[in-house]
């Protein structure tokens, strides 16, 4: 309900407006009256009404002067003037006060109702508009981190024009970026797949928030600047080289940044057990030049492919590694022929030596050398698949492993890791070939069967079986399937069900005891599996056997 104060020096007008107008019906509450401008202004100052209905001509302080004071005091209040027909000059002044409306005397209740309807509608509209603006301001405040991040991404990728930049920085809460020189720092999490893929989305967000907080606190303590997350696992710091004291700045702000980088690296290791590689760009003088410093910092960090993880890398590392062509060593057909020969002969030592030589040469490439090395690795893995196909070893399980290997190759972060992964994969194939060539496959299969026959009551895994015959799990699965036509799990299940049949023939053995005795912990699961394998339930099988 809107509030109203009436100011008029004619008692009859005030009394009539108070008595004969149903204000409540119009959504208005009359909260006070006054008989002159001075008294009215004091009342208005005290009660702060939504609407002021005032006479134009009054002694001491007229309605025009009082309206000017009210406008300054309550700019959102609506002022409606009551005027005589001969008050044309006063009325002009009233309209200059941005009055909501005016009414001529004698006051008509019908006309008053129409005017007040317009006034209350205007007040409602303005209230809604203020509410909408307030909601938008709240949303703007809530979205500020996103706007700030979007702006910072544009700063490092496209650069920004300096026109009105100060206003934008103030609006985004980044006034500290108005400096005269900058240095970029890129922090890359090492082993991103293991660090991020094993966490829930909530844990990933929490980790990101914590990493940003640690980096920003160190920046605030040692230099000035701002940090943000460019993408999962990559954090960027825009540092103000000019934030140092003149004597320090003249020496080498880059040294201070290296000290900061070391603090970031050691703190993330200490508090979050994270290994990071940090790249540092060169100093630039203007905001539009920041993308070049970012690219230098990112290129420096990417040198971990050749130099290893958990390092602080600068442009010097790039310069020292760049000599001649980016791809000094390209894949030669004879490389593949030598690897093919080592694989087909099942010679582990020779295969390792060939791979070591190949990756040693690839490690001397730069530029696109990382991608090139990955492509070479993929080619060698595909080549090993051809060897397995020739020997009948390309099982469904190995096909899945080959598909997974293609993804894993692209996720390796250093040349050494790529070599180790490729070597491990190819050695599995090499072992299979060696076993086939030696004719000892049947011996391994017999050892596997013997182990399962002895340990089937245990919670036996493929890793347990492989360890028992001193081979890798992948190789044992491949060999057993290729030689017997069934998987290790299928054979283990068959052995357990056969043992269960023997125990069921003795009525003294309870069903749940038999379940536990043959290696199962869930009687319901055991019963379903038994029926699937034999076509009948354990209880029905016992009745048939007695």
Protein backbone atom coordinates (compact mmCIF):
# COMPACT_ATOMS: atom_id res chain seq x y z
CA UNK A 1 0.00 0.00 0.00
CA UNK A 2 1.30 3.45 -0.97
CA UNK A 3 1.59 6.24 1.64
CA UNK A 4 0.25 9.79 1.20
CA UNK A 5 0.77 13.20 2.84
CA UNK A 6 -1.60 16.10 2.04
CA UNK A 7 -0.42 19.72 2.34
CA UNK A 8 -3.00 22.51 1.88
CA UNK A 9 -3.69 25.75 3.75
CA UNK A 10 -7.48 25.43 3.29
CA UNK A 11 -8.94 23.32 6.14
CA UNK A 12 -12.04 22.50 4.11
CA UNK A 13 -9.94 20.98 1.31
CA UNK A 14 -7.86 18.92 3.75
CA UNK A 15 -10.97 17.80 5.66
CA UNK A 16 -12.76 16.86 2.43
CA UNK A 17 -9.81 14.86 1.14
CA UNK A 18 -9.44 13.08 4.47
CA UNK A 19 -13.14 12.35 4.97
CA UNK A 20 -14.76 11.82 1.59
CA UNK A 21 -12.09 9.94 -0.35
CA UNK A 22 -11.77 6.18 0.05
CA UNK A 23 -7.99 6.04 -0.12
CA UNK A 24 -7.77 2.39 0.91
CA UNK A 25 -9.80 1.41 -2.14
CA UNK A 26 -7.07 2.94 -4.26
CA UNK A 27 -4.28 1.15 -2.41
CA UNK A 28 -3.24 4.33 -0.59
CA UNK A 29 -2.83 5.06 3.13
CA UNK A 30 -3.15 8.68 4.30
CA UNK A 31 -0.42 9.05 6.93
CA UNK A 32 -0.39 12.81 7.59
CA UNK A 33 -1.63 16.31 6.71
CA UNK A 34 -0.16 19.82 7.04
CA UNK A 35 -1.52 23.34 6.51
CA UNK A 36 1.57 25.06 5.06
CA UNK A 37 4.81 24.34 3.24
CA UNK A 38 7.13 24.57 6.24
CA UNK A 39 5.10 22.18 8.37
CA UNK A 40 4.50 19.93 5.38
CA UNK A 41 8.20 19.67 4.61
CA UNK A 42 9.02 18.66 8.19
CA UNK A 43 6.24 16.06 8.11
CA UNK A 44 7.44 14.72 4.80
CA UNK A 45 11.02 14.54 6.06
CA UNK A 46 9.80 12.49 9.01
CA UNK A 47 7.27 10.18 7.33
CA UNK A 48 8.87 9.79 3.87
CA UNK A 49 5.64 9.23 1.94
CA UNK A 50 5.35 7.75 -1.53
CA UNK A 51 2.96 10.49 -2.70
CA UNK A 52 2.66 14.19 -1.80
CA UNK A 53 -0.61 15.95 -2.66
CA UNK A 54 0.00 19.67 -2.21
CA UNK A 55 -1.57 23.03 -2.95
CA UNK A 56 0.41 25.33 -5.22
CA UNK A 57 -0.25 28.60 -3.39
CA UNK A 58 0.41 28.60 0.36
CA UNK A 59 1.73 31.24 2.80
CA UNK A 60 5.31 31.18 4.10
CA UNK A 61 6.55 28.37 1.80
CA UNK A 62 4.48 27.70 -1.30
CA UNK A 63 4.02 24.32 -2.93
CA UNK A 64 6.65 25.00 -5.59
CA UNK A 65 9.45 25.66 -3.13
CA UNK A 66 8.36 22.78 -0.94
CA UNK A 67 8.27 20.46 -3.97
CA UNK A 68 11.86 21.40 -4.83
CA UNK A 69 12.91 20.43 -1.30
CA UNK A 70 10.93 17.19 -1.47
CA UNK A 71 12.46 16.34 -4.83
CA UNK A 72 15.94 16.65 -3.34
CA UNK A 73 14.93 14.74 -0.20
CA UNK A 74 12.83 11.97 -1.79
CA UNK A 75 13.61 11.78 -5.52
CA UNK A 76 11.39 8.72 -5.99
CA UNK A 77 8.27 10.30 -4.38
CA UNK A 78 5.43 11.41 -6.66
CA UNK A 79 4.15 15.02 -6.30
CA UNK A 80 0.62 15.95 -7.37
CA UNK A 81 -0.35 19.64 -7.31
CA UNK A 82 -3.76 21.13 -6.47
CA UNK A 83 -4.19 24.37 -8.37
CA UNK A 84 -6.80 27.02 -8.97
CA UNK A 85 -7.81 27.85 -12.54
CA UNK A 86 -6.13 31.26 -12.28
CA UNK A 87 -2.75 29.88 -11.16
CA UNK A 88 -1.29 29.47 -14.66
CA UNK A 89 2.16 30.80 -13.77
CA UNK A 90 2.34 28.65 -10.66
CA UNK A 91 1.26 25.66 -12.69
CA UNK A 92 4.11 26.16 -15.17
CA UNK A 93 6.55 26.18 -12.25
CA UNK A 94 4.90 23.06 -10.85
CA UNK A 95 5.35 21.21 -14.12
CA UNK A 96 9.02 22.23 -14.14
CA UNK A 97 9.30 20.36 -10.84
CA UNK A 98 8.48 17.18 -12.83
CA UNK A 99 5.18 16.85 -11.04
CA UNK A 100 3.38 13.57 -11.56
CA UNK A 101 0.13 15.38 -12.32
CA UNK A 102 -2.10 18.28 -11.22
CA UNK A 103 -5.75 18.75 -10.25
CA UNK A 104 -7.83 21.91 -10.46
CA UNK A 105 -9.99 23.09 -7.60
CA UNK A 106 -12.65 22.32 -6.67
CA UNK A 107 -11.32 18.76 -6.46
CA UNK A 108 -13.44 16.15 -8.20
CA UNK A 109 -13.34 12.70 -6.59
CA UNK A 110 -13.56 11.10 -10.01
CA UNK A 111 -10.68 13.14 -11.38
CA UNK A 112 -8.69 12.53 -8.19
CA UNK A 113 -9.23 8.77 -8.54
CA UNK A 114 -8.00 8.80 -12.14
CA UNK A 115 -4.89 10.83 -11.26
CA UNK A 116 -4.05 8.69 -8.23
CA UNK A 117 -4.51 5.55 -10.31
CA UNK A 118 -1.89 6.83 -12.75
CA UNK A 119 0.43 7.78 -9.88
CA UNK A 120 0.21 4.40 -8.09
CA UNK A 121 0.67 2.60 -11.41
CA UNK A 122 3.79 4.67 -12.07
CA UNK A 123 5.09 3.90 -8.58
CA UNK A 124 4.48 0.18 -9.12
CA UNK A 125 6.26 0.29 -12.47
CA UNK A 126 9.23 2.09 -10.98
CA UNK A 127 9.37 -0.37 -8.08
CA UNK A 128 9.43 -3.27 -10.54
CA UNK A 129 12.13 -1.56 -12.56
CA UNK A 130 14.26 -0.99 -9.48
CA UNK A 131 13.74 -4.63 -8.49
CA UNK A 132 14.74 -5.76 -11.97
CA UNK A 133 17.85 -3.57 -11.92
CA UNK A 134 18.77 -4.90 -8.47
CA UNK A 135 18.34 -8.49 -9.67
CA UNK A 136 20.48 -7.74 -12.70
CA UNK A 137 23.14 -6.23 -10.47
CA UNK A 138 23.10 -9.36 -8.30
CA UNK A 139 23.43 -11.54 -11.41
CA UNK A 140 26.20 -9.32 -12.70
CA UNK A 141 28.04 -9.65 -9.40
CA UNK A 142 27.59 -13.43 -9.46
CA UNK A 143 28.85 -13.66 -13.04
CA UNK A 144 31.82 -11.37 -12.41
CA UNK A 145 34.32 -14.26 -12.02
CA UNK A 146 33.20 -15.61 -15.39
CA UNK A 147 33.43 -12.18 -17.03
CA UNK A 148 36.86 -11.66 -15.52
CA UNK A 149 38.04 -15.05 -16.74
CA UNK A 150 36.64 -14.38 -20.23
CA UNK A 151 38.45 -11.05 -20.32
CA UNK A 152 41.76 -12.57 -19.18
CA UNK A 153 41.46 -15.31 -21.81
CA UNK A 154 41.05 -12.63 -24.47
CA UNK A 155 44.07 -10.77 -23.06
CA UNK A 156 46.43 -13.73 -23.54
CA UNK A 157 44.96 -14.95 -26.83
CA UNK A 158 43.96 -11.90 -28.86
CA UNK A 159 45.40 -8.96 -26.95
CA UNK A 160 43.25 -5.92 -26.16
CA UNK A 161 42.99 -2.36 -27.40
CA UNK A 162 43.94 0.32 -24.92
CA UNK A 163 40.85 2.50 -25.58
CA UNK A 164 38.74 2.72 -22.40
CA UNK A 165 40.84 -0.08 -20.93
CA UNK A 166 41.11 1.62 -17.54
CA UNK A 167 37.30 1.71 -17.18
CA UNK A 168 37.09 -1.96 -18.11
CA UNK A 169 39.79 -2.94 -15.65
CA UNK A 170 38.05 -1.01 -12.87
CA UNK A 171 34.69 -2.60 -13.74
CA UNK A 172 36.16 -6.12 -13.66
CA UNK A 173 38.07 -5.49 -10.44
CA UNK A 174 41.45 -5.75 -12.17
CA UNK A 175 42.95 -2.28 -11.72
CA UNK A 176 46.33 -3.85 -10.97
CA UNK A 177 46.71 -4.78 -14.65
CA UNK A 178 47.21 -1.13 -15.54
CA UNK A 179 50.99 -1.37 -15.52
CA UNK A 180 53.91 -0.49 -17.76
CA UNK A 181 55.36 -3.99 -18.28
CA UNK A 182 54.30 -7.61 -17.88
CA UNK A 183 55.73 -11.13 -17.68
CA UNK A 184 53.62 -14.25 -18.27
CA UNK A 185 53.90 -17.49 -16.33
CA UNK A 186 52.19 -20.78 -17.34
CA UNK A 187 51.74 -23.53 -14.75
CA UNK A 188 50.94 -26.98 -16.18
CA UNK A 189 49.90 -29.85 -13.94
CA UNK A 190 51.99 -32.93 -14.64
CA UNK A 191 50.21 -36.26 -15.19
CA UNK A 192 46.88 -34.54 -15.89
CA UNK A 193 44.96 -37.76 -16.74
CA UNK A 194 45.90 -39.37 -13.41
CA UNK A 195 45.31 -36.16 -11.43
CA UNK A 196 41.95 -35.14 -12.92
CA UNK A 197 40.32 -38.27 -14.37
CA UNK A 198 40.35 -40.06 -11.03
CA UNK A 199 38.42 -37.25 -9.29
CA UNK A 200 34.72 -36.39 -9.26
CA UNK A 201 33.62 -33.09 -10.80
CA UNK A 202 33.25 -31.59 -7.34
CA UNK A 203 36.76 -32.66 -6.37
CA UNK A 204 38.16 -31.29 -9.64
CA UNK A 205 36.54 -27.91 -8.98
CA UNK A 206 37.84 -27.91 -5.40
CA UNK A 207 41.34 -28.76 -6.61
CA UNK A 208 41.24 -25.95 -9.17
CA UNK A 209 40.05 -23.47 -6.55
CA UNK A 210 42.81 -24.51 -4.14
CA UNK A 211 45.55 -24.36 -6.77
CA UNK A 212 44.43 -20.88 -7.85
CA UNK A 213 44.35 -19.68 -4.24
CA UNK A 214 47.88 -20.91 -3.55
CA UNK A 215 49.27 -19.32 -6.72
CA UNK A 216 47.46 -16.01 -6.15
CA UNK A 217 48.60 -15.78 -2.53
CA UNK A 218 52.21 -16.27 -3.60
CA UNK A 219 51.83 -13.67 -6.35
CA UNK A 220 50.35 -11.16 -3.89
CA UNK A 221 53.17 -11.84 -1.47
CA UNK A 222 56.13 -11.67 -3.85
CA UNK A 223 55.01 -9.55 -6.81
CA UNK A 224 51.70 -8.27 -8.14
CA UNK A 225 49.40 -9.71 -10.75
CA UNK A 226 46.50 -12.06 -11.34
CA UNK A 227 46.14 -15.77 -12.06
CA UNK A 228 43.35 -17.78 -13.69
CA UNK A 229 42.64 -21.25 -15.09
CA UNK A 230 42.84 -21.31 -18.88
CA UNK A 231 41.74 -24.93 -19.16
CA UNK A 232 41.82 -28.00 -16.91
CA UNK A 233 45.38 -28.46 -15.75
CA UNK A 234 46.70 -25.13 -17.11
CA UNK A 235 46.98 -21.97 -15.00
CA UNK A 236 48.22 -18.61 -16.25
CA UNK A 237 49.76 -15.82 -14.19
CA UNK A 238 49.94 -12.28 -15.58
CA UNK A 239 52.69 -10.65 -13.54
CA UNK A 240 53.47 -6.95 -13.34
CA UNK A 241 57.18 -6.49 -13.89
CA UNK A 242 56.79 -2.80 -13.11
CA UNK A 243 55.48 -3.60 -9.62
CA UNK A 244 59.05 -3.89 -8.38
CA UNK A 245 60.99 -1.00 -6.93
CA UNK A 246 62.97 1.00 -9.53
CA UNK A 247 66.35 -0.29 -8.40
CA UNK A 248 65.07 -3.86 -8.44
CA UNK A 249 63.32 -3.41 -11.75
CA UNK A 250 66.44 -2.11 -13.41
CA UNK A 251 68.34 -5.24 -12.46
CA UNK A 252 66.13 -8.16 -13.54
CA UNK A 253 62.43 -8.61 -12.76
CA UNK A 254 62.69 -11.98 -14.51
CA UNK A 255 64.81 -13.24 -11.61
CA UNK A 256 62.08 -12.31 -9.15
CA UNK A 257 59.61 -14.22 -11.30
CA UNK A 258 61.83 -17.30 -11.23
CA UNK A 259 61.87 -17.08 -7.44
CA UNK A 260 58.07 -16.85 -7.49
CA UNK A 261 57.86 -19.82 -9.89
CA UNK A 262 59.98 -21.91 -7.55
CA UNK A 263 57.71 -20.94 -4.64
CA UNK A 264 54.66 -22.02 -6.64
CA UNK A 265 56.27 -25.33 -7.58
CA UNK A 266 57.39 -26.17 -4.04
CA UNK A 267 54.13 -25.10 -2.37
CA UNK A 268 51.94 -27.13 -4.73
CA UNK A 269 54.18 -30.12 -4.10
CA UNK A 270 54.13 -29.60 -0.32
CA UNK A 271 50.42 -28.89 0.20
CA UNK A 272 48.68 -30.73 -2.65
CA UNK A 273 51.29 -33.36 -3.63
CA UNK A 274 51.12 -32.01 -7.18
CA UNK A 275 53.99 -31.94 -9.65
CA UNK A 276 53.92 -28.97 -12.03
CA UNK A 277 55.96 -27.70 -14.95
CA UNK A 278 56.21 -23.91 -15.17
CA UNK A 279 57.02 -21.92 -18.28
CA UNK A 280 58.15 -18.28 -18.12
CA UNK A 281 57.83 -15.80 -21.00
CA UNK A 282 59.80 -12.66 -21.69
CA UNK A 283 58.89 -9.19 -20.46
CA UNK A 284 56.60 -7.09 -22.68
CA UNK A 285 55.83 -3.39 -22.35
CA UNK A 286 52.13 -3.11 -23.21
CA UNK A 287 48.89 -5.03 -22.68
CA UNK A 288 48.43 -5.77 -26.42
CA UNK A 289 51.83 -7.56 -26.37
CA UNK A 290 50.80 -10.02 -23.65
CA UNK A 291 49.84 -12.80 -26.15
CA UNK A 292 53.46 -13.01 -27.31
CA UNK A 293 54.71 -13.45 -23.73
CA UNK A 294 52.03 -16.08 -23.10
CA UNK A 295 53.04 -18.01 -26.22
CA UNK A 296 56.67 -17.93 -25.09
CA UNK A 297 55.71 -19.17 -21.62
CA UNK A 298 53.54 -21.95 -23.05
CA UNK A 299 56.22 -23.01 -25.53
CA UNK A 300 58.73 -23.08 -22.69
CA UNK A 301 56.42 -25.25 -20.55
CA UNK A 302 55.85 -27.59 -23.50
CA UNK A 303 59.57 -28.34 -23.53
CA UNK A 304 58.86 -30.80 -20.71
CA UNK A 305 58.23 -33.24 -23.57
CA UNK A 306 61.99 -33.31 -24.10
CA UNK A 307 63.43 -32.06 -20.80
CA UNK A 308 61.15 -33.81 -18.30
CA UNK A 309 58.48 -32.79 -15.79
CA UNK A 310 58.55 -30.81 -12.55
CA UNK A 311 60.77 -28.06 -13.96
CA UNK A 312 60.85 -24.30 -14.40
CA UNK A 313 61.52 -23.57 -18.07
CA UNK A 314 62.28 -20.28 -19.82
CA UNK A 315 62.93 -19.07 -23.34
CA UNK A 316 66.57 -20.07 -22.82
CA UNK A 317 65.49 -23.71 -22.74
CA UNK A 318 63.76 -23.27 -26.09
CA UNK A 319 66.69 -21.42 -27.62
CA UNK A 320 69.18 -24.04 -26.48
CA UNK A 321 67.13 -26.80 -28.07
CA UNK A 322 66.48 -25.11 -31.39
CA UNK A 323 69.16 -25.78 -33.94
CA UNK A 324 68.46 -26.28 -37.60
CA UNK A 325 65.21 -27.92 -38.64
CA UNK A 326 62.37 -28.59 -36.21
CA UNK A 327 62.25 -32.18 -37.47
CA UNK A 328 65.90 -33.09 -37.87
CA UNK A 329 65.08 -36.81 -37.77
CA UNK A 330 62.16 -38.26 -39.70
CA UNK A 331 60.78 -41.78 -39.69
CA UNK A 332 62.76 -44.08 -41.98
CA UNK A 333 61.29 -47.30 -43.40
CA UNK A 334 64.32 -49.22 -42.16
CA UNK A 335 63.33 -48.30 -38.55
CA UNK A 336 60.09 -50.18 -38.97
CA UNK A 337 61.86 -53.08 -40.66
CA UNK A 338 64.28 -53.46 -37.74
CA UNK A 339 61.44 -53.34 -35.18
CA UNK A 340 59.43 -55.81 -37.31
CA UNK A 341 62.39 -58.19 -37.42
CA UNK A 342 62.93 -58.00 -33.62
CA UNK A 343 59.24 -58.63 -32.98
CA UNK A 344 58.99 -61.61 -35.34
CA UNK A 345 62.04 -63.21 -33.79
CA UNK A 346 60.74 -62.60 -30.24
CA UNK A 347 64.01 -60.92 -29.27
CA UNK A 348 63.31 -58.63 -26.27
CA UNK A 349 66.83 -57.24 -25.99
CA UNK A 350 67.04 -56.38 -29.65
CA UNK A 351 63.60 -54.80 -29.61
CA UNK A 352 64.50 -52.59 -26.64
CA UNK A 353 67.73 -51.52 -28.32
CA UNK A 354 65.94 -50.61 -31.56
CA UNK A 355 63.28 -48.60 -29.75
CA UNK A 356 65.89 -46.82 -27.65
CA UNK A 357 67.77 -45.72 -30.76
CA UNK A 358 64.62 -44.57 -32.55
CA UNK A 359 63.35 -42.48 -29.64
CA UNK A 360 66.80 -41.08 -28.97
CA UNK A 361 66.79 -39.59 -32.47
CA UNK A 362 63.18 -38.40 -32.23
CA UNK A 363 64.03 -36.70 -28.93
CA UNK A 364 66.33 -34.33 -30.80
CA UNK A 365 63.46 -32.91 -32.86
CA UNK A 366 61.72 -29.70 -31.82
CA UNK A 367 58.64 -27.78 -32.92
CA UNK A 368 56.19 -30.49 -33.99
CA UNK A 369 58.54 -33.18 -32.70
CA UNK A 370 56.18 -34.28 -29.94
CA UNK A 371 53.29 -34.96 -32.31
CA UNK A 372 55.65 -36.59 -34.78
CA UNK A 373 57.00 -38.97 -32.12
CA UNK A 374 53.45 -39.93 -31.13
CA UNK A 375 52.64 -40.74 -34.75
CA UNK A 376 55.74 -42.95 -34.97
CA UNK A 377 54.66 -44.75 -31.80
CA UNK A 378 51.19 -45.36 -33.21
CA UNK A 379 52.73 -46.77 -36.38
CA UNK A 380 54.90 -49.20 -34.40
CA UNK A 381 51.92 -50.36 -32.33
CA UNK A 382 49.91 -50.98 -35.49
CA UNK A 383 52.87 -52.88 -36.90
CA UNK A 384 52.93 -55.16 -33.83
CA UNK A 385 49.28 -55.94 -34.45
CA UNK A 386 50.17 -57.20 -37.91
CA UNK A 387 52.70 -59.58 -36.38
CA UNK A 388 50.09 -60.91 -33.96
CA UNK A 389 47.60 -61.39 -36.80
CA UNK A 390 50.08 -63.55 -38.69
CA UNK A 391 50.49 -65.78 -35.62
CA UNK A 392 46.79 -65.93 -34.76
CA UNK A 393 47.28 -63.90 -31.60
CA UNK A 394 45.02 -60.95 -32.37
CA UNK A 395 42.22 -61.86 -29.98
CA UNK A 396 39.24 -59.68 -29.15
CA UNK A 397 40.90 -58.72 -25.89
CA UNK A 398 44.09 -57.64 -27.66
CA UNK A 399 42.06 -55.62 -30.17
CA UNK A 400 40.54 -53.69 -27.25
CA UNK A 401 43.98 -53.16 -25.78
CA UNK A 402 45.28 -51.86 -29.11
CA UNK A 403 42.41 -49.37 -29.30
CA UNK A 404 43.13 -48.19 -25.76
CA UNK A 405 46.82 -47.87 -26.61
CA UNK A 406 46.10 -45.33 -29.34
CA UNK A 407 44.47 -43.10 -26.73
CA UNK A 408 47.22 -43.65 -24.19
CA UNK A 409 49.93 -42.69 -26.66
CA UNK A 410 48.37 -39.26 -27.11
CA UNK A 411 48.21 -38.75 -23.33
CA UNK A 412 51.92 -39.25 -22.65
CA UNK A 413 53.52 -35.99 -21.53
CA UNK A 414 57.23 -36.60 -22.11
CA UNK A 415 59.39 -38.39 -24.66
CA UNK A 416 60.63 -40.74 -21.94
CA UNK A 417 57.07 -41.68 -20.97
CA UNK A 418 56.21 -42.30 -24.62
CA UNK A 419 59.23 -44.59 -25.00
CA UNK A 420 58.37 -46.50 -21.82
CA UNK A 421 54.74 -46.98 -22.81
CA UNK A 422 55.52 -48.01 -26.38
CA UNK A 423 58.25 -50.36 -25.22
CA UNK A 424 55.98 -51.98 -22.61
CA UNK A 425 53.26 -52.55 -25.20
CA UNK A 426 55.56 -54.00 -27.85
CA UNK A 427 57.34 -56.24 -25.35
CA UNK A 428 54.01 -57.90 -24.55
CA UNK A 429 53.65 -58.78 -28.22
CA UNK A 430 57.31 -59.82 -28.38
CA UNK A 431 56.85 -62.24 -25.45
CA UNK A 432 53.88 -63.84 -27.15
CA UNK A 433 55.85 -64.32 -30.36
CA UNK A 434 58.80 -65.78 -28.43
CA UNK A 435 56.54 -68.27 -26.70
CA UNK A 436 54.95 -69.31 -29.96
CA UNK A 437 58.33 -69.66 -31.64
CA UNK A 438 59.77 -71.74 -28.80
CA UNK A 439 56.86 -74.14 -28.68
CA UNK A 440 56.56 -73.64 -24.92
CA UNK A 441 53.06 -72.26 -25.06
CA UNK A 442 51.61 -75.61 -24.02
CA UNK A 443 53.88 -75.67 -20.98
CA UNK A 444 52.62 -72.26 -19.86
CA UNK A 445 49.00 -73.32 -20.38
CA UNK A 446 49.57 -76.43 -18.31
CA UNK A 447 51.14 -74.37 -15.51
CA UNK A 448 48.18 -72.00 -15.58
CA UNK A 449 45.71 -74.89 -15.36
CA UNK A 450 47.66 -76.45 -12.51
CA UNK A 451 47.69 -73.14 -10.59
CA UNK A 452 43.94 -72.68 -11.06
CA UNK A 453 43.32 -76.25 -9.99
CA UNK A 454 45.23 -75.60 -6.75
CA UNK A 455 43.96 -72.11 -5.92
CA UNK A 456 40.40 -71.95 -7.33
CA UNK A 457 38.87 -71.53 -3.79
CA UNK A 458 40.69 -68.19 -3.46
CA UNK A 459 39.54 -64.82 -4.77
CA UNK A 460 41.77 -65.44 -7.75
CA UNK A 461 42.50 -62.63 -10.25
CA UNK A 462 44.28 -62.61 -13.61
CA UNK A 463 47.13 -60.73 -11.93
CA UNK A 464 47.46 -63.56 -9.38
CA UNK A 465 47.56 -66.17 -12.12
CA UNK A 466 50.10 -64.19 -14.19
CA UNK A 467 52.35 -63.72 -11.16
CA UNK A 468 52.18 -67.44 -10.49
CA UNK A 469 53.62 -68.25 -13.93
CA UNK A 470 55.99 -65.23 -14.00
CA UNK A 471 54.37 -63.51 -16.97
CA UNK A 472 52.38 -60.32 -17.49
CA UNK A 473 48.56 -60.41 -17.12
CA UNK A 474 48.01 -59.18 -20.67
CA UNK A 475 50.30 -61.81 -22.13
CA UNK A 476 48.76 -64.65 -20.09
CA UNK A 477 45.23 -63.65 -21.17
CA UNK A 478 46.31 -63.45 -24.80
CA UNK A 479 48.16 -66.76 -24.79
CA UNK A 480 45.47 -68.73 -22.91
CA UNK A 481 42.71 -67.51 -25.21
CA UNK A 482 44.76 -68.16 -28.33
CA UNK A 483 45.80 -71.67 -27.26
CA UNK A 484 42.57 -72.93 -25.64
CA UNK A 485 39.80 -70.90 -27.26
CA UNK A 486 38.43 -69.82 -23.89
CA UNK A 487 39.24 -67.03 -21.49
CA UNK A 488 40.90 -67.47 -18.11
CA UNK A 489 37.65 -66.46 -16.42
CA UNK A 490 35.67 -69.05 -18.37
CA UNK A 491 38.14 -71.79 -17.45
CA UNK A 492 38.24 -70.76 -13.78
CA UNK A 493 34.43 -70.81 -13.64
CA UNK A 494 34.33 -74.26 -15.25
CA UNK A 495 36.79 -75.63 -12.68
CA UNK A 496 34.79 -74.18 -9.79
CA UNK A 497 31.46 -75.55 -11.07
CA UNK A 498 32.98 -79.02 -11.53
CA UNK A 499 34.23 -78.95 -7.95
CA UNK A 500 30.80 -77.77 -6.80
CA UNK A 501 29.19 -80.76 -8.52
CA UNK A 502 31.41 -83.13 -6.54
CA UNK A 503 30.52 -81.44 -3.25
CA UNK A 504 26.80 -81.44 -4.06
CA UNK A 505 26.78 -85.21 -4.28
CA UNK A 506 27.39 -85.35 -0.53
CA UNK A 507 24.14 -84.35 1.29
CA UNK A 508 26.16 -83.41 4.38
CA UNK A 509 27.50 -80.34 2.56
CA UNK A 510 25.26 -77.27 2.87
CA UNK A 511 24.71 -75.09 -0.19
CA UNK A 512 26.32 -71.96 1.29
CA UNK A 513 29.33 -74.00 2.44
CA UNK A 514 29.81 -75.30 -1.08
CA UNK A 515 29.52 -71.75 -2.43
CA UNK A 516 32.36 -70.54 -0.17
CA UNK A 517 34.42 -73.67 -0.77
CA UNK A 518 34.65 -73.13 -4.52
CA UNK A 519 35.61 -69.43 -4.31
CA UNK A 520 32.30 -67.51 -4.33
CA UNK A 521 31.16 -65.16 -1.57
CA UNK A 522 27.53 -64.69 -2.70
CA UNK A 523 25.30 -67.84 -2.63
CA UNK A 524 22.72 -66.16 -4.87
CA UNK A 525 25.34 -65.36 -7.52
CA UNK A 526 26.76 -68.87 -7.23
CA UNK A 527 23.30 -70.40 -7.76
CA UNK A 528 22.65 -68.32 -10.90
CA UNK A 529 26.09 -69.12 -12.31
CA UNK A 530 25.65 -72.83 -11.59
CA UNK A 531 22.33 -72.87 -13.43
CA UNK A 532 23.83 -70.96 -16.35
CA UNK A 533 26.66 -73.48 -16.66
CA UNK A 534 24.68 -76.70 -16.05
CA UNK A 535 21.09 -75.83 -16.95
CA UNK A 536 19.85 -76.67 -13.48
CA UNK A 537 19.95 -75.25 -9.94
CA UNK A 538 22.30 -76.65 -7.26
CA UNK A 539 19.36 -78.15 -5.35
CA UNK A 540 17.91 -79.81 -8.46
CA UNK A 541 21.33 -81.14 -9.39
CA UNK A 542 21.69 -82.70 -5.91
CA UNK A 543 18.29 -84.44 -6.20
CA UNK A 544 19.24 -85.85 -9.58
CA UNK A 545 22.59 -87.10 -8.29
CA UNK A 546 21.29 -88.93 -5.19
